[in-house]
Amino acid sequence: MIESVRRALSTPRPRASIALAVASLLLAGCAQEDDADTQGSTNDTPAALASAFPGKKADGTPVRIGLITNEGGAGISQPETREAADAARRYANDNLGGIAGRPIEYVICKTKEEPATARDCANRMVEQKVAAVVLTSSGLGDSMVPIVTRAGIPWTTALATSGAEGTSNLAYSWTGGFPASMTAMAEYAKKQGYKNVVTFVIDVPSAVGGAQSIGKPVFDKAGIGLRIVKVAVGTPDASPQVSAALQSKPDAVAIIGESTVCTSVLQAMDTLGGSTPRMVLQPCTAPAVVDAVGPGLDGAQVFSSFDVASDHAEAQLYRAVMKRYSPDTPNGGYAAIGYQGALGLVRALEGLSGEVTPKTVAKALDSAKDVALPAGHGTTFTCDSQAVPNLKAACSAKEVTATLNGGKLEKVEVIDPAPLFEQAG
C-alpha cells in the first residue's frame, strides 16, 4: 500500500484540465495584488462568533505570500478559490494580526492549467522571494513544487493532488487528499456492513490508477470487494456502464469524477439503481449536478475535506467571513479550498514572531500541532509527516462526511481512516 500510494500520486497527467477535475476530488496572467483593504460591516456577524472577530489588526511591513490559482484557461477555471483565499487574508489582517503581527500581502499568479504558465508561476514566486506559497487548487503541482521547494520556499495547500505535493520536503498539505478520501469511504462502507462496492471512475490515468492502487487495497483491508468501472469524461449517458455494473448487485456504488461524470452516472442510477446507496466526492454536490439530478442525490453520502453548511462554529465562521469580505462569491463548490488553504497557513503560523522568512516559516510549520482546520468541522492537523503512510506532506488523514438530502448536507461528522491506513501500510 505504501509504495502504491506513491506510484498513484506520481502518475503522469496527460491532460491538465481533466487532471484538475480529478485532483479536486481528491481541486501568462501573473499579477501582484493591490493590497488596499476595507473593513466590512460587523452588523451581520452572528453573536456567537463575536470572539472570532477581535479586531486585532496587523501592522508594519507586509509579509509577502505567494498565491497560485487556476484561472483563465480553456479548461477548468476556479476564480472563487482566489476570492475565498483573499477573504481569509483580509479576515486575518483585520482580526488575527496577520502573520507575526504583520499584514499579509499576496503575490498572485494564475496557472491557466497549462504546464508552461504553471512553471512561470513557480518561477515568479522564487523571483519575488515570497515567504511561502499557498496553492488554492491545480492539477499541476508536479510542475511547480520542485521549483519552489528547491529555492527553500515552503509549499502549502489544503488538498495535495500531485506526487510532488504529497512527498516533497518543504511541502505541506493540511489534509490527506485522495488517499484519505478513498480510505474514509472504505471505513464508512465497513461500518455500514457493505461487502461489495462498485466505483464509477472518470477514465483518466490519475483517477483510475489511484482507485486501483489506493482504493482496492484499503477496501480489501476493510473486507470489501471493490470493482472499478471507467466512465469517459463528458459521457452524456452512463446507462450502459451502470446497467452492466448493477448486474453484480453491489451493496453500494461510489462515484469519482467531475460534474459531467457525476451527472451521467447519478441520472442512470436514478433510473436503474433503485435504492442502492451512493457514496460521492464533493464535485458531485456542485449546483449544476444537484440541479440536473435532483432527488437522485437524496441519501448520497458525501466525502470532503471541508464543511461549510452545518451549524458547527467553523462552518459558521466561514460563512461569516465570506459574507463580510467576499459577499459576491458563492459559498458552495470549491471556494472553501482557497479559504482553507490560506487560513490554515495563518493558523499554523500563529506562534511565529520576529523575522518572517522561508526558513522561519518552515520551522514553524514543522512544529505545527493540533491546528484547527478551517471549515474542518473540528478536525485538526499536525505537520509531523505521520498522518498518512508515505505522504510526508499530509498533516491530517481525517475526512468530513455528510448525507445529502434536498440539496442540503445533514448528519455531518468526521471520519478517521487511520486504522485502515495502518493495516494497508
Protein backbone atom coordinates (compact mmCIF):
# COMPACT_ATOMS: atom_id res chain seq x y z
CA MET A 1 0.00 0.00 0.00
CA ILE A 2 2.71 2.49 0.92
CA GLU A 3 4.53 2.20 -2.40
CA SER A 4 1.29 2.06 -4.35
CA VAL A 5 0.22 5.42 -2.94
CA ARG A 6 3.46 6.93 -4.19
CA ARG A 7 3.00 5.40 -7.66
CA ALA A 8 -0.60 6.54 -7.88
CA LEU A 9 0.16 10.11 -6.92
CA SER A 10 3.11 10.21 -9.31
CA THR A 11 1.08 9.06 -12.36
CA PRO A 12 1.71 11.44 -15.31
CA ARG A 13 -1.27 13.61 -16.19
CA PRO A 14 -1.61 13.93 -19.96
CA ARG A 15 -4.47 16.45 -19.84
CA ALA A 16 -4.05 19.14 -17.23
CA SER A 17 -7.61 20.42 -17.29
CA ILE A 18 -9.06 16.94 -16.73
CA ALA A 19 -6.43 16.20 -14.10
CA LEU A 20 -7.58 19.23 -12.14
CA ALA A 21 -11.14 17.95 -12.13
CA VAL A 22 -9.87 14.68 -10.70
CA ALA A 23 -7.47 16.43 -8.39
CA SER A 24 -10.27 18.48 -6.94
CA LEU A 25 -11.88 15.22 -5.93
CA LEU A 26 -9.12 14.05 -4.28
CA LEU A 27 -9.08 20.51 -6.73
CA ALA A 28 0.56 34.20 -18.89
CA GLY A 29 -1.50 36.18 -16.30
CA CYS A 30 0.54 36.84 -13.19
CA ALA A 31 -0.06 39.96 -11.13
CA GLN A 32 0.76 41.20 -7.67
CA GLU A 33 -2.47 42.08 -5.96
CA ASP A 34 -3.39 45.56 -4.85
CA ASP A 35 -3.47 45.35 -1.05
CA ALA A 36 -5.93 48.11 -0.25
CA ASP A 37 -8.45 46.60 2.15
CA THR A 38 -11.67 47.93 3.55
CA GLN A 39 -13.22 46.66 6.75
CA GLY A 40 -16.60 45.02 6.16
CA SER A 41 -19.68 45.73 8.20
CA THR A 42 -19.89 43.93 11.53
CA ASN A 43 -23.68 44.08 11.67
CA ASP A 44 -24.10 40.68 10.02
CA THR A 45 -21.74 38.76 12.33
CA PRO A 46 -23.53 36.14 14.45
CA ALA A 47 -23.28 36.95 18.14
CA ALA A 48 -21.77 33.54 18.81
CA LEU A 49 -18.84 34.48 16.58
CA ALA A 50 -18.05 37.83 18.18
CA SER A 51 -14.85 36.50 19.73
CA ALA A 52 -13.67 35.35 16.29
CA PHE A 53 -13.60 38.99 15.13
CA PRO A 54 -11.47 40.65 17.84
CA GLY A 55 -10.25 43.43 15.60
CA LYS A 56 -6.56 42.66 16.18
CA LYS A 57 -5.19 44.47 13.16
CA ALA A 58 -1.86 43.68 11.54
CA ASP A 59 0.67 46.47 11.21
CA GLY A 60 4.07 47.14 9.71
CA THR A 61 5.86 45.83 6.64
CA PRO A 62 3.70 43.29 4.77
CA VAL A 63 4.60 39.61 4.66
CA ARG A 64 4.60 38.52 1.03
CA ILE A 65 2.87 35.19 0.44
CA GLY A 66 2.55 33.62 -2.99
CA LEU A 67 -0.96 32.61 -4.05
CA ILE A 68 -1.23 30.33 -7.07
CA THR A 69 -4.65 29.69 -8.60
CA ASN A 70 -6.12 28.03 -11.67
CA GLU A 71 -7.90 30.72 -13.66
CA GLY A 72 -8.41 31.96 -17.17
CA GLY A 73 -7.52 28.82 -19.07
CA ALA A 74 -9.53 26.88 -21.62
CA GLY A 75 -10.26 24.09 -19.12
CA ILE A 76 -11.47 24.40 -15.55
CA SER A 77 -11.20 27.90 -14.07
CA GLN A 78 -11.87 28.49 -10.37
CA PRO A 79 -11.64 32.21 -9.52
CA GLU A 80 -13.78 31.58 -6.45
CA THR A 81 -10.85 29.84 -4.75
CA ARG A 82 -8.75 33.01 -5.07
CA GLU A 83 -11.64 35.15 -3.85
CA ALA A 84 -12.09 32.93 -0.79
CA ALA A 85 -8.35 32.92 -0.09
CA ASP A 86 -8.38 36.70 -0.24
CA ALA A 87 -11.33 36.82 2.14
CA ALA A 88 -9.29 34.71 4.57
CA ARG A 89 -6.31 37.07 4.15
CA ARG A 90 -8.39 40.17 4.84
CA TYR A 91 -10.03 38.50 7.84
CA ALA A 92 -6.59 37.57 9.22
CA ASN A 93 -5.20 41.07 8.65
CA ASP A 94 -8.19 42.70 10.37
CA ASN A 95 -8.63 40.27 13.26
CA LEU A 96 -5.70 37.89 13.78
CA GLY A 97 -2.73 40.19 13.41
CA GLY A 98 -1.85 38.74 10.01
CA ILE A 99 1.37 36.73 10.27
CA ALA A 100 3.71 37.63 13.14
CA GLY A 101 1.73 40.85 13.62
CA ARG A 102 2.35 41.99 10.06
CA PRO A 103 -0.23 42.27 7.27
CA ILE A 104 -0.32 39.56 4.64
CA GLU A 105 0.18 40.66 1.05
CA TYR A 106 -0.42 38.21 -1.78
CA VAL A 107 1.67 37.82 -4.90
CA ILE A 108 -0.93 36.21 -7.16
CA CYS A 109 -0.25 34.08 -10.22
CA LYS A 110 -2.76 32.19 -12.38
CA THR A 111 -1.67 28.92 -13.94
CA LYS A 112 -4.41 28.71 -16.59
CA GLU A 113 -3.90 24.96 -16.02
CA GLU A 114 -1.10 24.86 -18.56
CA PRO A 115 2.34 23.44 -17.72
CA ALA A 116 4.11 26.50 -19.18
CA THR A 117 2.16 29.05 -17.14
CA ALA A 118 2.40 26.81 -14.08
CA ARG A 119 6.19 26.83 -14.30
CA ASP A 120 6.09 30.59 -14.89
CA CYS A 121 4.07 30.97 -11.70
CA ALA A 122 6.52 28.87 -9.72
CA ASN A 123 9.46 30.88 -11.03
CA ARG A 124 7.66 34.11 -10.21
CA MET A 125 7.33 33.01 -6.58
CA VAL A 126 11.08 32.47 -6.44
CA GLU A 127 11.83 35.79 -8.13
CA GLN A 128 9.50 37.65 -5.78
CA LYS A 129 11.15 36.00 -2.75
CA VAL A 130 7.87 35.16 -1.07
CA ALA A 131 7.96 33.70 2.44
CA ALA A 132 5.69 30.79 1.47
CA VAL A 133 3.34 29.69 -1.30
CA VAL A 134 -0.33 28.78 -0.96
CA LEU A 135 -1.89 26.80 -3.80
CA THR A 136 -5.68 27.00 -3.95
CA SER A 137 -6.21 24.20 -6.48
CA SER A 138 -4.42 22.84 -9.52
CA GLY A 139 -3.52 19.54 -11.15
CA LEU A 140 -0.03 20.83 -12.00
CA GLY A 141 1.75 20.57 -8.68
CA ASP A 142 4.43 18.34 -10.17
CA SER A 143 5.43 21.22 -12.48
CA MET A 144 5.59 23.78 -9.69
CA VAL A 145 6.58 22.22 -6.39
CA PRO A 146 10.19 21.29 -7.32
CA ILE A 147 10.92 24.85 -8.49
CA VAL A 148 9.52 26.43 -5.33
CA THR A 149 10.92 23.99 -2.79
CA ARG A 150 14.39 23.85 -4.37
CA ALA A 151 14.53 27.57 -3.66
CA GLY A 152 13.88 26.79 0.00
CA ILE A 153 10.33 28.19 -0.04
CA PRO A 154 7.58 26.22 1.76
CA TRP A 155 4.74 24.99 -0.46
CA THR A 156 1.34 24.75 1.25
CA THR A 157 -2.15 23.70 0.19
CA ALA A 158 -5.38 22.46 1.72
CA LEU A 159 -5.50 19.46 -0.60
CA ALA A 160 -2.42 17.87 -2.19
CA THR A 161 -3.25 16.49 -5.63
CA SER A 162 0.14 15.53 -7.06
CA GLY A 163 3.04 13.30 -6.13
CA ALA A 164 5.37 16.24 -5.52
CA GLU A 165 2.86 17.90 -3.21
CA GLY A 166 2.46 14.74 -1.19
CA THR A 167 6.06 13.62 -0.84
CA SER A 168 8.43 16.60 -1.21
CA ASN A 169 10.47 18.22 1.52
CA LEU A 170 9.07 21.68 2.35
CA ALA A 171 5.61 20.66 1.05
CA TYR A 172 2.64 20.74 3.45
CA SER A 173 -0.93 19.63 2.85
CA TRP A 174 -3.44 20.33 5.62
CA THR A 175 -5.46 17.25 4.57
CA GLY A 176 -4.74 13.77 3.18
CA GLY A 177 -6.14 14.33 -0.31
CA PHE A 178 -7.39 11.49 -2.50
CA PRO A 179 -5.82 8.68 -0.40
CA ALA A 180 -7.69 9.95 2.66
CA SER A 181 -10.95 10.23 0.69
CA MET A 182 -10.75 6.66 -0.59
CA THR A 183 -9.80 5.32 2.82
CA ALA A 184 -12.59 7.26 4.52
CA MET A 185 -15.03 5.77 2.02
CA ALA A 186 -13.75 2.29 2.85
CA GLU A 187 -14.05 2.95 6.59
CA TYR A 188 -17.61 4.23 6.16
CA ALA A 189 -18.54 1.26 3.95
CA LYS A 190 -17.16 -1.11 6.57
CA LYS A 191 -19.31 0.48 9.27
CA GLN A 192 -22.36 0.13 7.02
CA GLY A 193 -21.68 -3.57 6.55
CA TYR A 194 -21.14 -3.36 2.78
CA LYS A 195 -19.36 -6.34 1.21
CA ASN A 196 -19.29 -5.37 -2.47
CA VAL A 197 -18.96 -1.85 -3.87
CA VAL A 198 -18.80 -0.64 -7.48
CA THR A 199 -16.97 2.61 -8.09
CA PHE A 200 -17.55 4.61 -11.27
CA VAL A 201 -14.31 6.42 -12.05
CA ILE A 202 -13.60 9.12 -14.61
CA ASP A 203 -11.43 7.48 -17.27
CA VAL A 204 -8.13 9.33 -16.88
CA PRO A 205 -4.92 7.66 -15.69
CA SER A 206 -4.58 9.58 -12.42
CA ALA A 207 -8.10 8.68 -11.26
CA VAL A 208 -8.16 5.08 -12.47
CA GLY A 209 -4.63 4.46 -11.19
CA GLY A 210 -5.49 5.95 -7.82
CA ALA A 211 -8.65 3.88 -7.50
CA GLN A 212 -6.74 0.72 -8.35
CA SER A 213 -3.65 1.23 -6.23
CA ILE A 214 -5.20 3.14 -3.33
CA GLY A 215 -8.86 2.22 -3.33
CA LYS A 216 -8.57 -1.52 -3.87
CA PRO A 217 -6.04 -2.15 -1.05
CA VAL A 218 -7.95 -0.16 1.59
CA PHE A 219 -11.31 -1.62 0.62
CA ASP A 220 -9.72 -5.08 0.70
CA LYS A 221 -8.40 -4.45 4.21
CA ALA A 222 -11.92 -3.41 5.19
CA GLY A 223 -13.18 -6.77 3.90
CA ILE A 224 -14.98 -5.19 0.95
CA GLY A 225 -14.70 -6.09 -2.72
CA LEU A 226 -14.21 -3.06 -4.97
CA ARG A 227 -14.99 -3.20 -8.68
CA ILE A 228 -13.81 -0.28 -10.84
CA VAL A 229 -15.90 0.83 -13.83
CA LYS A 230 -14.46 3.52 -16.10
CA VAL A 231 -16.61 6.37 -17.41
CA ALA A 232 -15.18 8.70 -20.08
CA VAL A 233 -15.16 12.42 -19.31
CA GLY A 234 -18.15 14.16 -20.83
CA THR A 235 -20.21 10.97 -21.17
CA PRO A 236 -23.79 12.20 -21.62
CA ASP A 237 -25.43 8.91 -20.65
CA ALA A 238 -23.73 6.30 -18.46
CA SER A 239 -26.68 3.90 -18.56
CA PRO A 240 -24.72 1.09 -20.31
CA GLN A 241 -21.95 1.16 -17.72
CA VAL A 242 -24.37 1.46 -14.81
CA SER A 243 -26.65 -1.29 -16.10
CA ALA A 244 -23.74 -3.70 -16.54
CA ALA A 245 -22.28 -2.85 -13.12
CA LEU A 246 -25.57 -3.37 -11.31
CA GLN A 247 -25.78 -6.94 -12.61
CA SER A 248 -23.46 -7.89 -9.73
CA LYS A 249 -25.97 -6.43 -7.23
CA PRO A 250 -23.47 -4.27 -5.28
CA ASP A 251 -24.30 -3.16 -1.76
CA ALA A 252 -23.36 0.41 -2.73
CA VAL A 253 -21.79 2.46 -5.51
CA ALA A 254 -19.14 5.17 -5.33
CA ILE A 255 -18.52 7.93 -7.87
CA ILE A 256 -15.11 9.51 -8.53
CA GLY A 257 -15.34 12.15 -11.21
CA GLU A 258 -16.03 15.74 -12.13
CA SER A 259 -19.53 17.14 -12.60
CA THR A 260 -20.32 15.62 -16.01
CA VAL A 261 -19.43 12.11 -14.85
CA CYS A 262 -21.33 12.63 -11.60
CA THR A 263 -24.40 13.79 -13.51
CA SER A 264 -24.43 10.99 -16.09
CA VAL A 265 -23.86 8.23 -13.51
CA LEU A 266 -26.36 9.61 -11.00
CA GLN A 267 -29.05 10.07 -13.63
CA ALA A 268 -28.55 6.48 -14.74
CA MET A 269 -28.60 5.31 -11.13
CA ASP A 270 -31.86 7.18 -10.60
CA THR A 271 -33.40 5.14 -13.43
CA LEU A 272 -31.68 1.79 -12.93
CA GLY A 273 -30.23 1.71 -9.43
CA GLY A 274 -33.29 1.89 -7.26
CA SER A 275 -32.34 2.35 -3.62
CA THR A 276 -28.70 1.27 -3.99
CA PRO A 277 -26.69 3.52 -1.60
CA ARG A 278 -24.40 6.10 -3.21
CA MET A 279 -21.06 7.44 -1.97
CA VAL A 280 -19.70 10.53 -3.74
CA LEU A 281 -16.93 13.10 -3.50
CA GLN A 282 -17.53 16.84 -3.29
CA PRO A 283 -17.77 17.55 -7.08
CA CYS A 284 -20.99 15.54 -7.20
CA THR A 285 -22.66 18.17 -4.99
CA ALA A 286 -21.93 21.05 -7.38
CA PRO A 287 -25.04 23.16 -8.12
CA ALA A 288 -25.08 22.00 -11.75
CA VAL A 289 -25.18 18.36 -10.64
CA VAL A 290 -27.83 18.97 -7.97
CA ASP A 291 -29.99 20.84 -10.49
CA ALA A 292 -29.63 18.09 -13.09
CA VAL A 293 -30.09 15.10 -10.79
CA GLY A 294 -32.48 16.44 -8.19
CA PRO A 295 -33.89 13.72 -5.91
CA GLY A 296 -31.44 11.23 -7.40
CA LEU A 297 -28.86 12.62 -4.99
CA ASP A 298 -31.03 12.28 -1.91
CA GLY A 299 -29.40 9.98 0.63
CA ALA A 300 -25.96 10.13 -1.02
CA GLN A 301 -23.03 10.06 1.39
CA VAL A 302 -20.60 12.90 0.58
CA PHE A 303 -16.87 12.86 1.43
CA SER A 304 -14.84 16.07 1.56
CA SER A 305 -12.09 17.92 3.39
CA PHE A 306 -14.45 20.69 4.48
CA ASP A 307 -17.85 21.50 5.94
CA VAL A 308 -19.36 24.88 5.10
CA ALA A 309 -23.04 24.08 5.57
CA SER A 310 -23.58 22.88 9.14
CA ASP A 311 -24.04 24.80 12.39
CA HIS A 312 -20.52 23.93 13.54
CA ALA A 313 -18.59 27.03 14.64
CA GLU A 314 -16.03 26.59 11.85
CA ALA A 315 -18.74 26.43 9.17
CA GLN A 316 -20.42 29.49 10.67
CA LEU A 317 -17.11 31.35 10.68
CA TYR A 318 -16.52 30.50 7.01
CA ARG A 319 -19.91 31.85 6.03
CA ALA A 320 -19.45 34.99 8.14
CA VAL A 321 -16.00 35.70 6.69
CA MET A 322 -17.23 35.18 3.14
CA LYS A 323 -20.29 37.36 3.71
CA ARG A 324 -18.17 40.18 5.10
CA TYR A 325 -15.15 40.08 2.81
CA SER A 326 -16.36 38.43 -0.41
CA PRO A 327 -20.16 38.66 -0.47
CA ASP A 328 -20.48 38.07 -4.21
CA THR A 329 -18.58 34.76 -4.13
CA PRO A 330 -20.77 31.61 -3.98
CA ASN A 331 -20.08 29.78 -0.71
CA GLY A 332 -20.52 26.31 -2.19
CA GLY A 333 -18.34 24.37 -4.59
CA TYR A 334 -14.59 24.72 -4.16
CA ALA A 335 -14.36 28.25 -2.80
CA ALA A 336 -13.71 26.69 0.61
CA ILE A 337 -10.47 25.11 -0.65
CA GLY A 338 -8.96 28.57 -1.09
CA TYR A 339 -10.19 29.71 2.32
CA GLN A 340 -9.00 26.51 3.98
CA GLY A 341 -5.54 26.72 2.43
CA ALA A 342 -4.97 30.39 3.23
CA LEU A 343 -6.38 30.48 6.76
CA GLY A 344 -4.73 27.13 7.52
CA LEU A 345 -1.34 28.74 6.91
CA VAL A 346 -2.18 31.69 9.16
CA ARG A 347 -3.29 29.40 11.99
CA ALA A 348 -0.26 27.14 11.63
CA LEU A 349 1.99 30.19 11.97
CA GLU A 350 0.15 31.65 14.96
CA GLY A 351 3.17 31.32 17.25
CA LEU A 352 5.64 32.81 14.78
CA SER A 353 7.25 36.07 15.83
CA GLY A 354 10.17 38.16 14.69
CA GLU A 355 11.57 37.77 11.20
CA VAL A 356 9.33 36.04 8.67
CA THR A 357 11.42 34.16 6.12
CA PRO A 358 11.03 30.85 4.28
CA LYS A 359 13.25 29.24 6.93
CA THR A 360 11.29 30.56 9.92
CA VAL A 361 8.01 29.66 8.22
CA ALA A 362 9.19 26.10 7.54
CA LYS A 363 10.37 25.72 11.12
CA ALA A 364 7.01 26.88 12.42
CA LEU A 365 5.12 24.54 10.09
CA ASP A 366 7.26 21.57 11.13
CA SER A 367 6.26 22.17 14.72
CA ALA A 368 2.59 22.94 13.98
CA LYS A 369 0.50 20.69 16.20
CA ASP A 370 -3.25 20.24 16.62
CA VAL A 371 -4.07 23.27 14.49
CA ALA A 372 -7.80 23.77 13.90
CA LEU A 373 -8.51 23.08 10.23
CA PRO A 374 -10.56 25.97 8.83
CA ALA A 375 -14.06 24.78 7.89
CA GLY A 376 -12.93 21.34 9.05
CA HIS A 377 -15.82 20.51 11.42
CA GLY A 378 -13.48 20.21 14.40
CA THR A 379 -10.65 18.45 12.56
CA THR A 380 -7.09 19.43 13.49
CA PHE A 381 -3.81 18.99 11.64
CA THR A 382 -0.26 18.29 12.78
CA CYS A 383 2.60 18.55 10.28
CA ASP A 384 4.87 15.79 11.63
CA SER A 385 4.76 13.58 8.50
CA GLN A 386 2.90 10.86 10.41
CA ALA A 387 -0.72 11.33 9.28
CA VAL A 388 -0.69 9.25 6.07
CA PRO A 389 1.83 6.49 5.26
CA ASN A 390 4.34 7.55 2.61
CA LEU A 391 2.78 11.00 2.21
CA LYS A 392 5.10 13.04 4.39
CA ALA A 393 3.42 16.31 3.42
CA ALA A 394 -0.02 15.26 4.69
CA CYS A 395 -0.84 16.87 8.02
CA SER A 396 -4.15 15.03 8.59
CA ALA A 397 -5.94 11.93 7.32
CA LYS A 398 -9.42 12.79 8.56
CA GLU A 399 -12.35 13.44 6.23
CA VAL A 400 -15.67 15.20 6.66
CA THR A 401 -18.71 13.21 5.60
CA ALA A 402 -22.40 14.05 5.47
CA THR A 403 -25.67 12.86 3.95
CA LEU A 404 -27.18 14.92 1.13
CA ASN A 405 -30.93 15.43 1.20
CA GLY A 406 -32.95 18.02 -0.68
CA GLY A 407 -29.73 19.69 -1.79
CA LYS A 408 -28.59 20.13 1.83
CA LEU A 409 -25.96 18.28 3.85
CA GLU A 410 -27.18 16.59 7.02
CA LYS A 411 -25.61 14.50 9.79
CA VAL A 412 -22.14 15.97 9.27
CA GLU A 413 -19.37 14.05 11.02
CA VAL A 414 -15.63 13.38 10.83
CA ILE A 415 -14.19 10.02 9.82
CA ASP A 416 -10.70 8.99 10.91
CA PRO A 417 -9.43 6.33 8.47
CA ALA A 418 -6.09 5.94 10.27
CA PRO A 419 -6.72 2.28 11.27
CA LEU A 420 -7.18 1.25 7.63
CA PHE A 421 -4.10 3.22 6.60
CA GLU A 422 -2.07 1.34 9.18
CA GLN A 423 -3.45 -2.05 8.12
CA ALA A 424 -2.90 -1.33 4.43
CA GLY A 425 0.58 0.00 5.10
